[in-house]
Amino acid sequence: MMYDKYQLTVEPTLMNYSFVSEGTKGKIIKLISYTETGVKGVYNLGFGDKDTNGKMDDVTITNNGDSLKVLATVASTVYSFTNKFPNAAIYAIGSSKARTRLYRMGIANNLTDILQSFDVYGFIEGEWYEFEKNVDYEAFLIKRKKLVNLFL
């Protein structure tokens, strides 16, 4: 993806990231975290504003006028996280139907680029399917493609 991105602050584990969104509502600290789920090798991608207690608020709608840059920044962490954990699968779901739709649109708009490095699946009605544009998925799963050594 060739979008502008914000500069990230990254913890050494590559499990937690932060950056500052700058837009019409001012400077807002955003948090990104990868947490293990109950399924081995599957990590939940959490994202939201940093609240007054230093915790992630994934419900507040900021409308800071920089959503493409914010989503590109979040997407860049998937690349760095899966560089360190190449066998990890990333589970993502919005905190609302509107946010899940926004994520779906972001994936769909960049699908050609994403599919060069990742396999992408959408969850609907209790089943996982290969991601297709214009399908109203409930959640997403992204997994780094296996690299083939061409010099064997």
C-alpha atoms as a PDB file:
ATOM      1  CA  MET A   1       0.000   0.000   0.000  1.00  0.00           C
ATOM      2  CA  MET A   2       1.347   3.358  -0.959  1.00  0.00           C
ATOM      3  CA  TYR A   3      -0.397   5.581   1.592  1.00  0.00           C
ATOM      4  CA  ASP A   4       1.205   8.001   4.012  1.00  0.00           C
ATOM      5  CA  LYS A   5       1.651   6.503   7.460  1.00  0.00           C
ATOM      6  CA  TYR A   6       2.280   7.905  10.897  1.00  0.00           C
ATOM      7  CA  GLN A   7       5.537   7.209  12.688  1.00  0.00           C
ATOM      8  CA  LEU A   8       5.080   4.389  15.157  1.00  0.00           C
ATOM      9  CA  THR A   9       6.419   3.846  18.631  1.00  0.00           C
ATOM     10  CA  VAL A  10       6.915   0.102  19.036  1.00  0.00           C
ATOM     11  CA  GLU A  11       7.536  -2.052  22.089  1.00  0.00           C
ATOM     12  CA  PRO A  12      10.408  -4.543  21.626  1.00  0.00           C
ATOM     13  CA  THR A  13       7.966  -7.480  21.655  1.00  0.00           C
ATOM     14  CA  LEU A  14       6.176  -6.025  18.589  1.00  0.00           C
ATOM     15  CA  MET A  15       2.906  -6.733  20.421  1.00  0.00           C
ATOM     16  CA  ASN A  16       2.057  -3.070  21.165  1.00  0.00           C
ATOM     17  CA  TYR A  17       2.337   0.056  19.042  1.00  0.00           C
ATOM     18  CA  SER A  18       1.300   3.680  19.354  1.00  0.00           C
ATOM     19  CA  PHE A  19       1.228   6.759  17.160  1.00  0.00           C
ATOM     20  CA  VAL A  20      -0.248  10.241  17.105  1.00  0.00           C
ATOM     21  CA  SER A  21      -3.090  11.023  14.718  1.00  0.00           C
ATOM     22  CA  GLU A  22      -3.020  14.662  13.642  1.00  0.00           C
ATOM     23  CA  GLY A  23      -6.138  16.126  12.097  1.00  0.00           C
ATOM     24  CA  THR A  24      -9.142  18.377  12.465  1.00  0.00           C
ATOM     25  CA  LYS A  25      -9.692  17.358  16.116  1.00  0.00           C
ATOM     26  CA  GLY A  26      -6.036  17.878  17.052  1.00  0.00           C
ATOM     27  CA  LYS A  27      -3.474  15.307  18.155  1.00  0.00           C
ATOM     28  CA  ILE A  28      -4.894  12.005  19.351  1.00  0.00           C
ATOM     29  CA  ILE A  29      -2.794   9.102  20.590  1.00  0.00           C
ATOM     30  CA  LYS A  30      -3.768   5.795  18.982  1.00  0.00           C
ATOM     31  CA  LEU A  31      -2.929   2.357  20.363  1.00  0.00           C
ATOM     32  CA  ILE A  32      -2.546  -0.932  18.505  1.00  0.00           C
ATOM     33  CA  SER A  33      -2.129  -4.244  20.272  1.00  0.00           C
ATOM     34  CA  TYR A  34      -1.810  -7.885  19.328  1.00  0.00           C
ATOM     35  CA  THR A  35      -3.091 -10.278  21.958  1.00  0.00           C
ATOM     36  CA  GLU A  36      -3.211 -14.037  21.952  1.00  0.00           C
ATOM     37  CA  THR A  37      -6.648 -15.536  21.572  1.00  0.00           C
ATOM     38  CA  GLY A  38      -7.790 -18.885  22.891  1.00  0.00           C
ATOM     39  CA  VAL A  39      -6.741 -20.424  19.571  1.00  0.00           C
ATOM     40  CA  LYS A  40      -3.052 -21.305  19.267  1.00  0.00           C
ATOM     41  CA  GLY A  41      -1.247 -19.044  16.806  1.00  0.00           C
ATOM     42  CA  VAL A  42      -4.176 -16.637  16.373  1.00  0.00           C
ATOM     43  CA  TYR A  43      -3.761 -13.051  17.599  1.00  0.00           C
ATOM     44  CA  ASN A  44      -6.446 -10.413  17.956  1.00  0.00           C
ATOM     45  CA  LEU A  45      -5.635  -7.041  16.418  1.00  0.00           C
ATOM     46  CA  GLY A  46      -6.923  -4.350  18.755  1.00  0.00           C
ATOM     47  CA  PHE A  47      -6.969  -0.688  17.802  1.00  0.00           C
ATOM     48  CA  GLY A  48      -8.329   2.509  19.320  1.00  0.00           C
ATOM     49  CA  ASP A  49      -7.718   5.842  21.010  1.00  0.00           C
ATOM     50  CA  LYS A  50      -5.706   6.089  24.215  1.00  0.00           C
ATOM     51  CA  ASP A  51      -8.132   7.117  26.947  1.00  0.00           C
ATOM     52  CA  THR A  52      -7.421   9.263  30.017  1.00  0.00           C
ATOM     53  CA  ASN A  53      -6.426   6.129  31.980  1.00  0.00           C
ATOM     54  CA  GLY A  54      -3.899   5.080  29.336  1.00  0.00           C
ATOM     55  CA  LYS A  55      -6.113   2.230  28.128  1.00  0.00           C
ATOM     56  CA  MET A  56      -7.354   1.520  24.622  1.00  0.00           C
ATOM     57  CA  ASP A  57     -10.820   2.836  23.746  1.00  0.00           C
ATOM     58  CA  ASP A  58     -11.984   1.046  20.595  1.00  0.00           C
ATOM     59  CA  VAL A  59     -15.500   2.498  20.696  1.00  0.00           C
ATOM     60  CA  THR A  60     -14.932   6.259  20.433  1.00  0.00           C
ATOM     61  CA  ILE A  61     -15.331   7.718  16.944  1.00  0.00           C
ATOM     62  CA  THR A  62     -12.646  10.347  16.481  1.00  0.00           C
ATOM     63  CA  ASN A  63     -13.388  11.688  12.971  1.00  0.00           C
ATOM     64  CA  ASN A  64      -9.979  13.363  12.844  1.00  0.00           C
ATOM     65  CA  GLY A  65     -10.031  13.541   9.037  1.00  0.00           C
ATOM     66  CA  ASP A  66      -7.106  11.164   8.540  1.00  0.00           C
ATOM     67  CA  SER A  67      -8.746   7.734   8.383  1.00  0.00           C
ATOM     68  CA  LEU A  68      -6.724   6.513   5.366  1.00  0.00           C
ATOM     69  CA  LYS A  69      -3.447   7.439   7.042  1.00  0.00           C
ATOM     70  CA  VAL A  70      -4.585   5.836  10.302  1.00  0.00           C
ATOM     71  CA  LEU A  71      -5.652   2.588   8.580  1.00  0.00           C
ATOM     72  CA  ALA A  72      -2.396   2.491   6.585  1.00  0.00           C
ATOM     73  CA  THR A  73      -0.465   2.879   9.825  1.00  0.00           C
ATOM     74  CA  VAL A  74      -2.415   0.054  11.466  1.00  0.00           C
ATOM     75  CA  ALA A  75      -1.893  -2.126   8.378  1.00  0.00           C
ATOM     76  CA  SER A  76       1.862  -1.504   8.501  1.00  0.00           C
ATOM     77  CA  THR A  77       1.965  -3.125  11.937  1.00  0.00           C
ATOM     78  CA  VAL A  78       0.541  -6.340  10.467  1.00  0.00           C
ATOM     79  CA  TYR A  79       3.624  -6.526   8.258  1.00  0.00           C
ATOM     80  CA  SER A  80       6.068  -5.950  11.128  1.00  0.00           C
ATOM     81  CA  PHE A  81       4.193  -8.288  13.487  1.00  0.00           C
ATOM     82  CA  THR A  82       4.129 -11.130  10.957  1.00  0.00           C
ATOM     83  CA  ASN A  83       7.786 -10.537  10.076  1.00  0.00           C
ATOM     84  CA  LYS A  84       8.575 -11.486  13.683  1.00  0.00           C
ATOM     85  CA  PHE A  85       5.796 -14.098  13.955  1.00  0.00           C
ATOM     86  CA  PRO A  86       5.453 -15.498  10.405  1.00  0.00           C
ATOM     87  CA  ASN A  87       3.125 -18.331  11.461  1.00  0.00           C
ATOM     88  CA  ALA A  88       0.696 -16.056  13.304  1.00  0.00           C
ATOM     89  CA  ALA A  89      -2.808 -15.484  12.030  1.00  0.00           C
ATOM     90  CA  ILE A  90      -4.296 -12.066  12.719  1.00  0.00           C
ATOM     91  CA  TYR A  91      -7.968 -11.858  13.684  1.00  0.00           C
ATOM     92  CA  ALA A  92      -9.686  -8.488  13.227  1.00  0.00           C
ATOM     93  CA  ILE A  93     -13.215  -7.310  13.865  1.00  0.00           C
ATOM     94  CA  GLY A  94     -14.585  -3.806  14.276  1.00  0.00           C
ATOM     95  CA  SER A  95     -16.194  -2.685  17.519  1.00  0.00           C
ATOM     96  CA  SER A  96     -19.293  -1.916  15.457  1.00  0.00           C
ATOM     97  CA  LYS A  97     -20.787  -2.965  12.128  1.00  0.00           C
ATOM     98  CA  ALA A  98     -19.688   0.376  10.660  1.00  0.00           C
ATOM     99  CA  ARG A  99     -16.085  -0.196  11.723  1.00  0.00           C
ATOM    100  CA  THR A 100     -16.086  -3.751  10.421  1.00  0.00           C
ATOM    101  CA  ARG A 101     -17.396  -2.368   7.122  1.00  0.00           C
ATOM    102  CA  LEU A 102     -14.585   0.225   7.108  1.00  0.00           C
ATOM    103  CA  TYR A 103     -12.011  -2.552   7.585  1.00  0.00           C
ATOM    104  CA  ARG A 104     -13.625  -4.577   4.792  1.00  0.00           C
ATOM    105  CA  MET A 105     -13.446  -1.586   2.464  1.00  0.00           C
ATOM    106  CA  GLY A 106      -9.796  -1.023   3.359  1.00  0.00           C
ATOM    107  CA  ILE A 107      -8.968  -4.644   2.579  1.00  0.00           C
ATOM    108  CA  ALA A 108     -11.001  -4.623  -0.640  1.00  0.00           C
ATOM    109  CA  ASN A 109      -9.432  -1.383  -1.888  1.00  0.00           C
ATOM    110  CA  ASN A 110      -5.941  -2.807  -1.396  1.00  0.00           C
ATOM    111  CA  LEU A 111      -6.612  -6.488  -2.046  1.00  0.00           C
ATOM    112  CA  THR A 112      -4.180  -6.889  -4.943  1.00  0.00           C
ATOM    113  CA  ASP A 113      -1.285  -5.563  -2.844  1.00  0.00           C
ATOM    114  CA  ILE A 114      -2.331  -7.446   0.281  1.00  0.00           C
ATOM    115  CA  LEU A 115      -2.613 -10.774  -1.550  1.00  0.00           C
ATOM    116  CA  GLN A 116       1.048 -10.554  -2.571  1.00  0.00           C
ATOM    117  CA  SER A 117       2.023 -11.214   1.049  1.00  0.00           C
ATOM    118  CA  PHE A 118      -1.073 -12.500   2.831  1.00  0.00           C
ATOM    119  CA  ASP A 119      -3.968 -14.903   2.565  1.00  0.00           C
ATOM    120  CA  VAL A 120      -7.161 -13.143   3.650  1.00  0.00           C
ATOM    121  CA  TYR A 121     -10.358 -14.741   4.911  1.00  0.00           C
ATOM    122  CA  GLY A 122     -13.743 -13.378   5.877  1.00  0.00           C
ATOM    123  CA  PHE A 123     -16.086 -14.839   8.482  1.00  0.00           C
ATOM    124  CA  ILE A 124     -19.780 -15.023   7.753  1.00  0.00           C
ATOM    125  CA  GLU A 125     -22.574 -17.161   9.173  1.00  0.00           C
ATOM    126  CA  GLY A 126     -20.218 -19.366  11.189  1.00  0.00           C
ATOM    127  CA  GLU A 127     -17.748 -20.146   8.380  1.00  0.00           C
ATOM    128  CA  TRP A 128     -14.443 -18.793   7.038  1.00  0.00           C
ATOM    129  CA  TYR A 129     -14.158 -18.046   3.324  1.00  0.00           C
ATOM    130  CA  GLU A 130     -11.454 -16.642   1.086  1.00  0.00           C
ATOM    131  CA  PHE A 131     -11.985 -12.895   1.072  1.00  0.00           C
ATOM    132  CA  GLU A 132     -14.064 -11.524  -1.801  1.00  0.00           C
ATOM    133  CA  LYS A 133     -14.992  -7.928  -2.458  1.00  0.00           C
ATOM    134  CA  ASN A 134     -18.558  -6.779  -1.758  1.00  0.00           C
ATOM    135  CA  VAL A 135     -19.312  -9.463   0.818  1.00  0.00           C
ATOM    136  CA  ASP A 136     -20.510  -8.254   4.229  1.00  0.00           C
ATOM    137  CA  TYR A 137     -18.151 -10.196   6.529  1.00  0.00           C
ATOM    138  CA  GLU A 138     -18.429 -10.267  10.302  1.00  0.00           C
ATOM    139  CA  ALA A 139     -14.667 -10.585  10.926  1.00  0.00           C
ATOM    140  CA  PHE A 140     -11.360 -11.136   9.124  1.00  0.00           C
ATOM    141  CA  LEU A 141      -8.369 -13.419   9.382  1.00  0.00           C
ATOM    142  CA  ILE A 142      -5.056 -12.576   7.754  1.00  0.00           C
ATOM    143  CA  LYS A 143      -2.130 -14.970   7.490  1.00  0.00           C
ATOM    144  CA  ARG A 144       1.306 -14.387   5.992  1.00  0.00           C
ATOM    145  CA  LYS A 145       1.940 -16.479   2.890  1.00  0.00           C
ATOM    146  CA  LYS A 146       4.744 -18.981   3.118  1.00  0.00           C
ATOM    147  CA  LEU A 147       7.886 -17.883   1.347  1.00  0.00           C
ATOM    148  CA  VAL A 148       9.362 -20.345  -1.103  1.00  0.00           C
ATOM    149  CA  ASN A 149      13.121 -20.516  -1.352  1.00  0.00           C
ATOM    150  CA  LEU A 150      13.809 -20.253  -5.054  1.00  0.00           C
ATOM    151  CA  PHE A 151      17.491 -21.050  -4.587  1.00  0.00           C
ATOM    152  CA  LEU A 152      17.159 -24.648  -3.399  1.00  0.00           C
END
